Amino acid sequence: MINSTRDAVVLPAAAWRRPEVRRALRARDAAALLSFAQQHTGVSQAHLASAIGMGQGRVNELINRKREVVRLDLFERIADGLNMPDAARMMLGLAPAAARQATDLDDLAEATSAVARSYHSQQAAARDIRQLARGAQSLDLLAVRGLGLLGLNDSLLRAAVTGRRAAPLGIRVLIVDADSEAAARRAAEIGESPAGFATAVRLAEHKLRDLAAVPGLALEAYRYTTLPTWRIIALDETLFVSTFDADWEGHASPIYRIDIATGGALHRGFRRMFQEMTTTADRFL
């Protein structure tokens, strides 16, 4: 928490929703965040330094990219000093402030129970996801194309699911219908042509057919026709949830781990959504 002798730098709530700020949060770009705060509040570097508990010279070096922030406690100082809302904190890969400020253990459990852990990107979560995948008995994926998750040889999960396994693995994959309006809308959002986007989806279908022939895998694949919003990797009863947005792809989104024991209604809701989508989607494998 912020020392009472310091003055926090307060930005308007709308500032944290600006695309350039979200990009800086996801990239953990301290220089961009501090520069934005200074430019849009007019505070001096001395004030900024006091708010985050650093020397003015150190802040100057950060803003001018002569130093980088790599330690978690320094990101915590910046988040506190900029009075960062919880959504921005989680995008930066930090716990919500409510969880850190809880003094009673029951309050702390309640504050953190829905999300077991947050990661600032897929890269940060990759080790945990692969470790669970190696021993999982079921894998459910909700993706757009899924090439970076499962389709390609160097994708996030390919080696984990095709390696030597102690038990068979059941896989269900939901990808967008290449010929749907939703596919065209998503292509426009990320700056791809509809034809090129559809070709990549069909490549994913081809790769999934190849994967279905691997011994020990029982694979089902479905096409859905709604605009991609959620991205889910479900390994047994552990969910890794992220989002698709007009400003980013799923791998660049913060990822939230939701376990069955602590996830409660959130865990059940995502599970129910996935099951309903498989019921209404077109199965092609």
C-alpha atoms as a PDB file:
ATOM      1  CA  MET A   1       0.000   0.000   0.000  1.00  0.00           C
ATOM      2  CA  ILE A   2       1.029   3.620  -0.478  1.00  0.00           C
ATOM      3  CA  ASN A   3       2.835   5.309   2.391  1.00  0.00           C
ATOM      4  CA  SER A   4       0.601   7.936   3.940  1.00  0.00           C
ATOM      5  CA  THR A   5       3.317  10.562   3.490  1.00  0.00           C
ATOM      6  CA  ARG A   6       3.233  10.196  -0.268  1.00  0.00           C
ATOM      7  CA  ASP A   7       0.707  11.661  -2.661  1.00  0.00           C
ATOM      8  CA  ALA A   8      -0.629   9.142  -5.157  1.00  0.00           C
ATOM      9  CA  VAL A   9      -0.872  10.235  -8.779  1.00  0.00           C
ATOM     10  CA  VAL A  10      -4.520   9.916  -9.760  1.00  0.00           C
ATOM     11  CA  LEU A  11      -5.492   9.420 -13.407  1.00  0.00           C
ATOM     12  CA  PRO A  12      -9.088   9.511 -14.687  1.00  0.00           C
ATOM     13  CA  ALA A  13     -10.710   6.072 -14.836  1.00  0.00           C
ATOM     14  CA  ALA A  14     -11.034   6.376 -18.622  1.00  0.00           C
ATOM     15  CA  ALA A  15      -7.256   6.718 -18.955  1.00  0.00           C
ATOM     16  CA  TRP A  16      -6.759   3.073 -17.960  1.00  0.00           C
ATOM     17  CA  ARG A  17      -9.011   1.973 -20.827  1.00  0.00           C
ATOM     18  CA  ARG A  18      -6.997   3.728 -23.530  1.00  0.00           C
ATOM     19  CA  PRO A  19      -5.442   1.288 -26.050  1.00  0.00           C
ATOM     20  CA  GLU A  20      -1.904   2.627 -25.591  1.00  0.00           C
ATOM     21  CA  VAL A  21      -2.161   2.255 -21.814  1.00  0.00           C
ATOM     22  CA  ARG A  22      -3.481  -1.293 -22.122  1.00  0.00           C
ATOM     23  CA  ARG A  23      -0.631  -2.157 -24.439  1.00  0.00           C
ATOM     24  CA  ALA A  24       1.858  -0.745 -21.935  1.00  0.00           C
ATOM     25  CA  LEU A  25       0.265  -2.707 -19.097  1.00  0.00           C
ATOM     26  CA  ARG A  26       0.331  -5.989 -21.011  1.00  0.00           C
ATOM     27  CA  ALA A  27       3.946  -5.362 -22.035  1.00  0.00           C
ATOM     28  CA  ARG A  28       4.918  -4.296 -18.501  1.00  0.00           C
ATOM     29  CA  ASP A  29       6.371  -1.154 -20.060  1.00  0.00           C
ATOM     30  CA  ALA A  30       7.171   0.946 -16.978  1.00  0.00           C
ATOM     31  CA  ALA A  31       8.634   3.785 -19.038  1.00  0.00           C
ATOM     32  CA  ALA A  32       5.446   4.185 -21.067  1.00  0.00           C
ATOM     33  CA  LEU A  33       3.229   4.041 -17.949  1.00  0.00           C
ATOM     34  CA  LEU A  34       5.255   6.635 -16.059  1.00  0.00           C
ATOM     35  CA  SER A  35       5.489   8.921 -19.091  1.00  0.00           C
ATOM     36  CA  PHE A  36       1.755   8.691 -19.677  1.00  0.00           C
ATOM     37  CA  ALA A  37       1.032   9.491 -16.028  1.00  0.00           C
ATOM     38  CA  GLN A  38       3.331  12.510 -16.098  1.00  0.00           C
ATOM     39  CA  GLN A  39       1.999  13.857 -19.397  1.00  0.00           C
ATOM     40  CA  HIS A  40      -1.671  13.463 -18.486  1.00  0.00           C
ATOM     41  CA  THR A  41      -1.546  14.749 -14.904  1.00  0.00           C
ATOM     42  CA  GLY A  42       1.188  17.362 -15.194  1.00  0.00           C
ATOM     43  CA  VAL A  43       2.995  16.118 -12.082  1.00  0.00           C
ATOM     44  CA  SER A  44       6.710  16.637 -11.730  1.00  0.00           C
ATOM     45  CA  GLN A  45       9.198  13.785 -11.700  1.00  0.00           C
ATOM     46  CA  ALA A  46       9.797  14.606  -8.030  1.00  0.00           C
ATOM     47  CA  HIS A  47       6.096  14.112  -7.272  1.00  0.00           C
ATOM     48  CA  LEU A  48       6.047  10.919  -9.327  1.00  0.00           C
ATOM     49  CA  ALA A  49       9.128   9.637  -7.504  1.00  0.00           C
ATOM     50  CA  SER A  50       7.575  10.370  -4.118  1.00  0.00           C
ATOM     51  CA  ALA A  51       4.341   8.616  -5.074  1.00  0.00           C
ATOM     52  CA  ILE A  52       6.058   5.383  -6.057  1.00  0.00           C
ATOM     53  CA  GLY A  53       8.778   5.475  -3.411  1.00  0.00           C
ATOM     54  CA  MET A  54      11.826   5.850  -5.649  1.00  0.00           C
ATOM     55  CA  GLY A  55      14.482   8.466  -6.072  1.00  0.00           C
ATOM     56  CA  GLN A  56      13.898  11.125  -8.714  1.00  0.00           C
ATOM     57  CA  GLY A  57      17.064  10.093 -10.557  1.00  0.00           C
ATOM     58  CA  ARG A  58      15.838   6.506 -10.760  1.00  0.00           C
ATOM     59  CA  VAL A  59      12.462   7.617 -12.134  1.00  0.00           C
ATOM     60  CA  ASN A  60      14.225   9.771 -14.730  1.00  0.00           C
ATOM     61  CA  GLU A  61      16.268   6.761 -15.829  1.00  0.00           C
ATOM     62  CA  LEU A  62      13.139   4.625 -16.125  1.00  0.00           C
ATOM     63  CA  ILE A  63      11.263   7.215 -18.168  1.00  0.00           C
ATOM     64  CA  ASN A  64      14.244   7.623 -20.494  1.00  0.00           C
ATOM     65  CA  ARG A  65      14.682   3.838 -20.770  1.00  0.00           C
ATOM     66  CA  LYS A  66      18.136   3.849 -19.244  1.00  0.00           C
ATOM     67  CA  ARG A  67      16.842   1.306 -16.732  1.00  0.00           C
ATOM     68  CA  GLU A  68      14.105  -1.315 -16.806  1.00  0.00           C
ATOM     69  CA  VAL A  69      11.786  -2.608 -14.110  1.00  0.00           C
ATOM     70  CA  VAL A  70      11.998  -6.372 -13.698  1.00  0.00           C
ATOM     71  CA  ARG A  71      11.197  -6.928 -10.014  1.00  0.00           C
ATOM     72  CA  LEU A  72       7.615  -7.581  -8.966  1.00  0.00           C
ATOM     73  CA  ASP A  73       7.849  -5.375  -5.884  1.00  0.00           C
ATOM     74  CA  LEU A  74       8.798  -2.395  -8.072  1.00  0.00           C
ATOM     75  CA  PHE A  75       5.769  -2.972 -10.300  1.00  0.00           C
ATOM     76  CA  GLU A  76       3.712  -3.051  -7.088  1.00  0.00           C
ATOM     77  CA  ARG A  77       5.153   0.336  -6.118  1.00  0.00           C
ATOM     78  CA  ILE A  78       4.280   1.792  -9.500  1.00  0.00           C
ATOM     79  CA  ALA A  79       0.749   0.360  -9.352  1.00  0.00           C
ATOM     80  CA  ASP A  80       0.223   1.792  -5.865  1.00  0.00           C
ATOM     81  CA  GLY A  81       1.773   5.148  -6.699  1.00  0.00           C
ATOM     82  CA  LEU A  82      -0.418   5.553  -9.787  1.00  0.00           C
ATOM     83  CA  ASN A  83      -3.498   4.473  -7.841  1.00  0.00           C
ATOM     84  CA  MET A  84      -4.031   1.735 -10.448  1.00  0.00           C
ATOM     85  CA  PRO A  85      -7.511   0.143 -10.513  1.00  0.00           C
ATOM     86  CA  ASP A  86      -7.731  -3.630 -10.100  1.00  0.00           C
ATOM     87  CA  ALA A  87      -8.430  -4.284 -13.796  1.00  0.00           C
ATOM     88  CA  ALA A  88      -5.214  -2.466 -14.718  1.00  0.00           C
ATOM     89  CA  ARG A  89      -3.275  -4.190 -11.938  1.00  0.00           C
ATOM     90  CA  MET A  90      -4.331  -7.612 -13.216  1.00  0.00           C
ATOM     91  CA  MET A  91      -3.440  -6.660 -16.775  1.00  0.00           C
ATOM     92  CA  LEU A  92       0.009  -5.807 -15.432  1.00  0.00           C
ATOM     93  CA  GLY A  93       0.138  -9.282 -13.872  1.00  0.00           C
ATOM     94  CA  LEU A  94      -0.417  -8.180 -10.253  1.00  0.00           C
ATOM     95  CA  ALA A  95      -2.998  -9.302  -7.727  1.00  0.00           C
ATOM     96  CA  PRO A  96      -6.033  -7.061  -7.177  1.00  0.00           C
ATOM     97  CA  ALA A  97      -5.505  -4.473  -4.450  1.00  0.00           C
ATOM     98  CA  ALA A  98      -8.411  -5.930  -2.457  1.00  0.00           C
ATOM     99  CA  ALA A  99      -6.525  -9.194  -2.049  1.00  0.00           C
ATOM    100  CA  ARG A 100      -3.370  -7.421  -0.805  1.00  0.00           C
ATOM    101  CA  GLN A 101      -5.232  -5.160   1.601  1.00  0.00           C
ATOM    102  CA  ALA A 102      -7.257  -7.924   3.273  1.00  0.00           C
ATOM    103  CA  THR A 103      -6.091  -8.423   6.860  1.00  0.00           C
ATOM    104  CA  ASP A 104      -8.409 -11.252   7.840  1.00  0.00           C
ATOM    105  CA  LEU A 105      -7.613 -14.668   6.352  1.00  0.00           C
ATOM    106  CA  ASP A 106     -11.266 -15.267   5.473  1.00  0.00           C
ATOM    107  CA  ASP A 107     -11.387 -11.933   3.668  1.00  0.00           C
ATOM    108  CA  LEU A 108      -8.198 -12.817   1.804  1.00  0.00           C
ATOM    109  CA  ALA A 109      -9.619 -16.178   0.710  1.00  0.00           C
ATOM    110  CA  GLU A 110     -12.811 -14.504  -0.479  1.00  0.00           C
ATOM    111  CA  ALA A 111     -10.880 -11.819  -2.375  1.00  0.00           C
ATOM    112  CA  THR A 112      -8.734 -14.327  -4.249  1.00  0.00           C
ATOM    113  CA  SER A 113     -10.977 -17.381  -4.515  1.00  0.00           C
ATOM    114  CA  ALA A 114     -12.331 -16.901  -8.038  1.00  0.00           C
ATOM    115  CA  VAL A 115      -8.967 -16.521  -9.758  1.00  0.00           C
ATOM    116  CA  ALA A 116      -6.207 -18.781  -8.459  1.00  0.00           C
ATOM    117  CA  ARG A 117      -3.491 -16.916 -10.352  1.00  0.00           C
ATOM    118  CA  SER A 118      -3.120 -14.294 -13.055  1.00  0.00           C
ATOM    119  CA  TYR A 119      -0.438 -14.075 -15.765  1.00  0.00           C
ATOM    120  CA  HIS A 120       0.304 -11.051 -17.931  1.00  0.00           C
ATOM    121  CA  SER A 121       0.401 -13.114 -21.164  1.00  0.00           C
ATOM    122  CA  GLN A 122       0.398 -16.643 -22.572  1.00  0.00           C
ATOM    123  CA  GLN A 123       4.189 -16.689 -22.449  1.00  0.00           C
ATOM    124  CA  ALA A 124       4.098 -16.161 -18.690  1.00  0.00           C
ATOM    125  CA  ALA A 125       1.579 -18.999 -18.237  1.00  0.00           C
ATOM    126  CA  ALA A 126       3.156 -21.422 -20.726  1.00  0.00           C
ATOM    127  CA  ARG A 127       5.183 -23.447 -18.223  1.00  0.00           C
ATOM    128  CA  ASP A 128       2.202 -24.106 -15.937  1.00  0.00           C
ATOM    129  CA  ILE A 129      -0.078 -24.950 -18.861  1.00  0.00           C
ATOM    130  CA  ARG A 130       2.363 -27.437 -20.377  1.00  0.00           C
ATOM    131  CA  GLN A 131       3.050 -29.074 -17.033  1.00  0.00           C
ATOM    132  CA  LEU A 132      -0.647 -29.729 -16.452  1.00  0.00           C
ATOM    133  CA  ALA A 133      -1.153 -30.858 -20.048  1.00  0.00           C
ATOM    134  CA  ARG A 134       1.392 -33.654 -19.738  1.00  0.00           C
ATOM    135  CA  GLY A 135      -0.650 -35.406 -17.063  1.00  0.00           C
ATOM    136  CA  ALA A 136      -4.183 -34.379 -18.060  1.00  0.00           C
ATOM    137  CA  GLN A 137      -6.868 -36.829 -19.119  1.00  0.00           C
ATOM    138  CA  SER A 138      -9.038 -34.212 -20.823  1.00  0.00           C
ATOM    139  CA  LEU A 139      -8.330 -31.047 -22.794  1.00  0.00           C
ATOM    140  CA  ASP A 140     -10.982 -28.576 -23.940  1.00  0.00           C
ATOM    141  CA  LEU A 141      -9.987 -25.650 -26.155  1.00  0.00           C
ATOM    142  CA  LEU A 142     -12.043 -22.645 -27.195  1.00  0.00           C
ATOM    143  CA  ALA A 143      -9.995 -20.720 -29.739  1.00  0.00           C
ATOM    144  CA  VAL A 144     -10.274 -18.813 -33.019  1.00  0.00           C
ATOM    145  CA  ARG A 145      -7.948 -20.901 -35.164  1.00  0.00           C
ATOM    146  CA  GLY A 146      -5.964 -22.719 -32.529  1.00  0.00           C
ATOM    147  CA  LEU A 147      -2.782 -22.867 -34.603  1.00  0.00           C
ATOM    148  CA  GLY A 148      -0.676 -21.350 -31.837  1.00  0.00           C
ATOM    149  CA  LEU A 149      -2.289 -23.564 -29.217  1.00  0.00           C
ATOM    150  CA  LEU A 150      -2.409 -26.985 -30.833  1.00  0.00           C
ATOM    151  CA  GLY A 151      -2.271 -26.931 -34.611  1.00  0.00           C
ATOM    152  CA  LEU A 152       1.428 -26.379 -35.354  1.00  0.00           C
ATOM    153  CA  ASN A 153       4.378 -28.536 -34.324  1.00  0.00           C
ATOM    154  CA  ASP A 154       5.832 -25.736 -32.169  1.00  0.00           C
ATOM    155  CA  SER A 155       2.486 -24.623 -30.720  1.00  0.00           C
ATOM    156  CA  LEU A 156       1.886 -24.301 -26.984  1.00  0.00           C
ATOM    157  CA  LEU A 157       0.358 -27.742 -26.405  1.00  0.00           C
ATOM    158  CA  ARG A 158       1.399 -29.914 -29.338  1.00  0.00           C
ATOM    159  CA  ALA A 159       4.441 -31.587 -27.764  1.00  0.00           C
ATOM    160  CA  ALA A 160       2.682 -32.022 -24.414  1.00  0.00           C
ATOM    161  CA  VAL A 161      -0.281 -33.898 -25.898  1.00  0.00           C
ATOM    162  CA  THR A 162       1.625 -35.983 -28.466  1.00  0.00           C
ATOM    163  CA  GLY A 163       4.442 -37.140 -26.167  1.00  0.00           C
ATOM    164  CA  ARG A 164       4.491 -40.357 -24.180  1.00  0.00           C
ATOM    165  CA  ARG A 165       1.440 -40.469 -21.921  1.00  0.00           C
ATOM    166  CA  ALA A 166       0.385 -42.693 -19.030  1.00  0.00           C
ATOM    167  CA  ALA A 167      -3.296 -42.558 -20.059  1.00  0.00           C
ATOM    168  CA  PRO A 168      -5.366 -41.656 -23.150  1.00  0.00           C
ATOM    169  CA  LEU A 169      -6.278 -38.007 -23.657  1.00  0.00           C
ATOM    170  CA  GLY A 170      -9.714 -36.769 -24.695  1.00  0.00           C
ATOM    171  CA  ILE A 171      -9.624 -33.486 -26.631  1.00  0.00           C
ATOM    172  CA  ARG A 172     -12.474 -31.194 -27.659  1.00  0.00           C
ATOM    173  CA  VAL A 173     -11.641 -28.174 -29.806  1.00  0.00           C
ATOM    174  CA  LEU A 174     -13.917 -25.294 -30.800  1.00  0.00           C
ATOM    175  CA  ILE A 175     -12.705 -23.009 -33.625  1.00  0.00           C
ATOM    176  CA  VAL A 176     -14.536 -20.377 -35.636  1.00  0.00           C
ATOM    177  CA  ASP A 177     -16.343 -21.334 -38.842  1.00  0.00           C
ATOM    178  CA  ALA A 178     -14.161 -20.094 -41.718  1.00  0.00           C
ATOM    179  CA  ASP A 179     -17.220 -19.133 -43.796  1.00  0.00           C
ATOM    180  CA  SER A 180     -19.118 -17.329 -41.033  1.00  0.00           C
ATOM    181  CA  GLU A 181     -19.740 -13.617 -40.602  1.00  0.00           C
ATOM    182  CA  ALA A 182     -17.942 -13.914 -37.255  1.00  0.00           C
ATOM    183  CA  ALA A 183     -14.749 -15.001 -39.043  1.00  0.00           C
ATOM    184  CA  ALA A 184     -14.944 -12.004 -41.375  1.00  0.00           C
ATOM    185  CA  ARG A 185     -15.496  -9.637 -38.441  1.00  0.00           C
ATOM    186  CA  ARG A 186     -12.542 -11.061 -36.549  1.00  0.00           C
ATOM    187  CA  ALA A 187     -10.345 -10.785 -39.636  1.00  0.00           C
ATOM    188  CA  ALA A 188     -11.242  -7.097 -39.916  1.00  0.00           C
ATOM    189  CA  GLU A 189     -10.490  -6.533 -36.214  1.00  0.00           C
ATOM    190  CA  ILE A 190      -6.936  -7.846 -36.498  1.00  0.00           C
ATOM    191  CA  GLY A 191      -6.234  -6.355 -39.936  1.00  0.00           C
ATOM    192  CA  GLU A 192      -6.319  -9.535 -42.031  1.00  0.00           C
ATOM    193  CA  SER A 193      -8.217 -10.120 -45.248  1.00  0.00           C
ATOM    194  CA  PRO A 194     -11.279 -12.379 -44.894  1.00  0.00           C
ATOM    195  CA  ALA A 195      -9.838 -14.770 -47.493  1.00  0.00           C
ATOM    196  CA  GLY A 196      -6.473 -15.039 -45.760  1.00  0.00           C
ATOM    197  CA  PHE A 197      -8.115 -15.473 -42.375  1.00  0.00           C
ATOM    198  CA  ALA A 198     -10.385 -18.237 -43.706  1.00  0.00           C
ATOM    199  CA  THR A 199      -7.382 -20.000 -45.255  1.00  0.00           C
ATOM    200  CA  ALA A 200      -5.657 -20.067 -41.854  1.00  0.00           C
ATOM    201  CA  VAL A 201      -8.786 -21.514 -40.230  1.00  0.00           C
ATOM    202  CA  ARG A 202      -8.935 -24.263 -42.848  1.00  0.00           C
ATOM    203  CA  LEU A 203      -5.258 -24.983 -42.237  1.00  0.00           C
ATOM    204  CA  ALA A 204      -6.123 -25.414 -38.550  1.00  0.00           C
ATOM    205  CA  GLU A 205      -8.852 -27.895 -39.496  1.00  0.00           C
ATOM    206  CA  HIS A 206      -6.342 -29.851 -41.581  1.00  0.00           C
ATOM    207  CA  LYS A 207      -3.841 -29.918 -38.706  1.00  0.00           C
ATOM    208  CA  LEU A 208      -6.526 -31.120 -36.309  1.00  0.00           C
ATOM    209  CA  ARG A 209      -7.339 -33.997 -38.640  1.00  0.00           C
ATOM    210  CA  ASP A 210      -3.672 -34.961 -38.580  1.00  0.00           C
ATOM    211  CA  LEU A 211      -3.655 -34.780 -34.797  1.00  0.00           C
ATOM    212  CA  ALA A 212      -6.737 -36.988 -34.544  1.00  0.00           C
ATOM    213  CA  ALA A 213      -4.720 -39.837 -36.064  1.00  0.00           C
ATOM    214  CA  VAL A 214      -2.157 -39.835 -33.243  1.00  0.00           C
ATOM    215  CA  PRO A 215      -2.503 -42.973 -31.065  1.00  0.00           C
ATOM    216  CA  GLY A 216      -3.828 -42.310 -27.579  1.00  0.00           C
ATOM    217  CA  LEU A 217      -5.777 -39.185 -28.550  1.00  0.00           C
ATOM    218  CA  ALA A 218      -9.561 -39.056 -28.865  1.00  0.00           C
ATOM    219  CA  LEU A 219     -10.213 -35.761 -30.621  1.00  0.00           C
ATOM    220  CA  GLU A 220     -13.479 -33.988 -31.396  1.00  0.00           C
ATOM    221  CA  ALA A 221     -13.531 -30.673 -33.270  1.00  0.00           C
ATOM    222  CA  TYR A 222     -16.364 -28.187 -33.788  1.00  0.00           C
ATOM    223  CA  ARG A 223     -17.045 -24.983 -35.738  1.00  0.00           C
ATOM    224  CA  TYR A 224     -18.837 -22.102 -34.003  1.00  0.00           C
ATOM    225  CA  THR A 225     -20.313 -18.982 -35.622  1.00  0.00           C
ATOM    226  CA  THR A 226     -20.256 -16.282 -32.932  1.00  0.00           C
ATOM    227  CA  LEU A 227     -17.701 -13.487 -32.659  1.00  0.00           C
ATOM    228  CA  PRO A 228     -14.681 -14.810 -30.703  1.00  0.00           C
ATOM    229  CA  THR A 229     -14.589 -13.300 -27.229  1.00  0.00           C
ATOM    230  CA  TRP A 230     -13.321 -15.849 -24.742  1.00  0.00           C
ATOM    231  CA  ARG A 231     -10.309 -18.125 -25.105  1.00  0.00           C
ATOM    232  CA  ILE A 232     -10.292 -21.173 -22.841  1.00  0.00           C
ATOM    233  CA  ILE A 233      -7.722 -23.885 -22.175  1.00  0.00           C
ATOM    234  CA  ALA A 234      -9.317 -26.430 -19.827  1.00  0.00           C
ATOM    235  CA  LEU A 235      -7.023 -29.173 -18.513  1.00  0.00           C
ATOM    236  CA  ASP A 236      -9.148 -31.566 -16.468  1.00  0.00           C
ATOM    237  CA  GLU A 237     -10.784 -29.173 -13.995  1.00  0.00           C
ATOM    238  CA  THR A 238      -8.284 -26.308 -14.276  1.00  0.00           C
ATOM    239  CA  LEU A 239      -9.193 -23.456 -16.632  1.00  0.00           C
ATOM    240  CA  PHE A 240      -6.866 -20.894 -18.191  1.00  0.00           C
ATOM    241  CA  VAL A 241      -9.086 -18.080 -19.466  1.00  0.00           C
ATOM    242  CA  SER A 242      -8.158 -15.089 -21.619  1.00  0.00           C
ATOM    243  CA  THR A 243      -9.922 -12.839 -24.099  1.00  0.00           C
ATOM    244  CA  PHE A 244      -9.990 -11.797 -27.727  1.00  0.00           C
ATOM    245  CA  ASP A 245     -10.387  -8.079 -28.359  1.00  0.00           C
ATOM    246  CA  ALA A 246     -10.137  -5.688 -31.271  1.00  0.00           C
ATOM    247  CA  ASP A 247      -6.815  -4.511 -29.775  1.00  0.00           C
ATOM    248  CA  TRP A 248      -5.153  -7.891 -29.198  1.00  0.00           C
ATOM    249  CA  GLU A 249      -5.040 -11.609 -29.927  1.00  0.00           C
ATOM    250  CA  GLY A 250      -5.666 -14.236 -27.263  1.00  0.00           C
ATOM    251  CA  HIS A 251      -1.983 -15.006 -26.644  1.00  0.00           C
ATOM    252  CA  ALA A 252      -1.326 -11.349 -25.772  1.00  0.00           C
ATOM    253  CA  SER A 253      -4.192 -11.134 -23.289  1.00  0.00           C
ATOM    254  CA  PRO A 254      -3.690 -11.565 -19.550  1.00  0.00           C
ATOM    255  CA  ILE A 255      -4.550 -15.154 -18.576  1.00  0.00           C
ATOM    256  CA  TYR A 256      -6.460 -16.120 -15.444  1.00  0.00           C
ATOM    257  CA  ARG A 257      -6.199 -19.549 -13.859  1.00  0.00           C
ATOM    258  CA  ILE A 258      -9.489 -20.758 -12.375  1.00  0.00           C
ATOM    259  CA  ASP A 259      -9.497 -23.995 -10.349  1.00  0.00           C
ATOM    260  CA  ILE A 260     -12.582 -26.031  -9.498  1.00  0.00           C
ATOM    261  CA  ALA A 261     -11.927 -25.876  -5.759  1.00  0.00           C
ATOM    262  CA  THR A 262     -11.857 -22.083  -5.574  1.00  0.00           C
ATOM    263  CA  GLY A 263     -13.438 -20.865  -8.799  1.00  0.00           C
ATOM    264  CA  GLY A 264     -17.028 -21.328  -7.702  1.00  0.00           C
ATOM    265  CA  ALA A 265     -19.636 -19.817 -10.003  1.00  0.00           C
ATOM    266  CA  LEU A 266     -17.000 -18.494 -12.398  1.00  0.00           C
ATOM    267  CA  HIS A 267     -15.623 -21.994 -12.989  1.00  0.00           C
ATOM    268  CA  ARG A 268     -19.107 -23.450 -13.452  1.00  0.00           C
ATOM    269  CA  GLY A 269     -20.100 -20.633 -15.785  1.00  0.00           C
ATOM    270  CA  PHE A 270     -17.192 -21.129 -18.176  1.00  0.00           C
ATOM    271  CA  ARG A 271     -17.702 -24.886 -18.106  1.00  0.00           C
ATOM    272  CA  ARG A 272     -21.382 -24.458 -18.908  1.00  0.00           C
ATOM    273  CA  MET A 273     -20.628 -22.050 -21.743  1.00  0.00           C
ATOM    274  CA  PHE A 274     -18.159 -24.482 -23.316  1.00  0.00           C
ATOM    275  CA  GLN A 275     -20.609 -27.361 -23.099  1.00  0.00           C
ATOM    276  CA  GLU A 276     -23.404 -25.290 -24.643  1.00  0.00           C
ATOM    277  CA  MET A 277     -21.142 -24.227 -27.506  1.00  0.00           C
ATOM    278  CA  THR A 278     -20.270 -27.842 -28.323  1.00  0.00           C
ATOM    279  CA  THR A 279     -23.990 -28.652 -28.318  1.00  0.00           C
ATOM    280  CA  THR A 280     -24.870 -25.912 -30.790  1.00  0.00           C
ATOM    281  CA  ALA A 281     -21.708 -25.957 -32.948  1.00  0.00           C
ATOM    282  CA  ASP A 282     -21.110 -28.009 -36.117  1.00  0.00           C
ATOM    283  CA  ARG A 283     -18.905 -31.025 -35.411  1.00  0.00           C
ATOM    284  CA  PHE A 284     -16.475 -31.801 -38.236  1.00  0.00           C
ATOM    285  CA  LEU A 285     -14.222 -34.342 -36.480  1.00  0.00           C
END
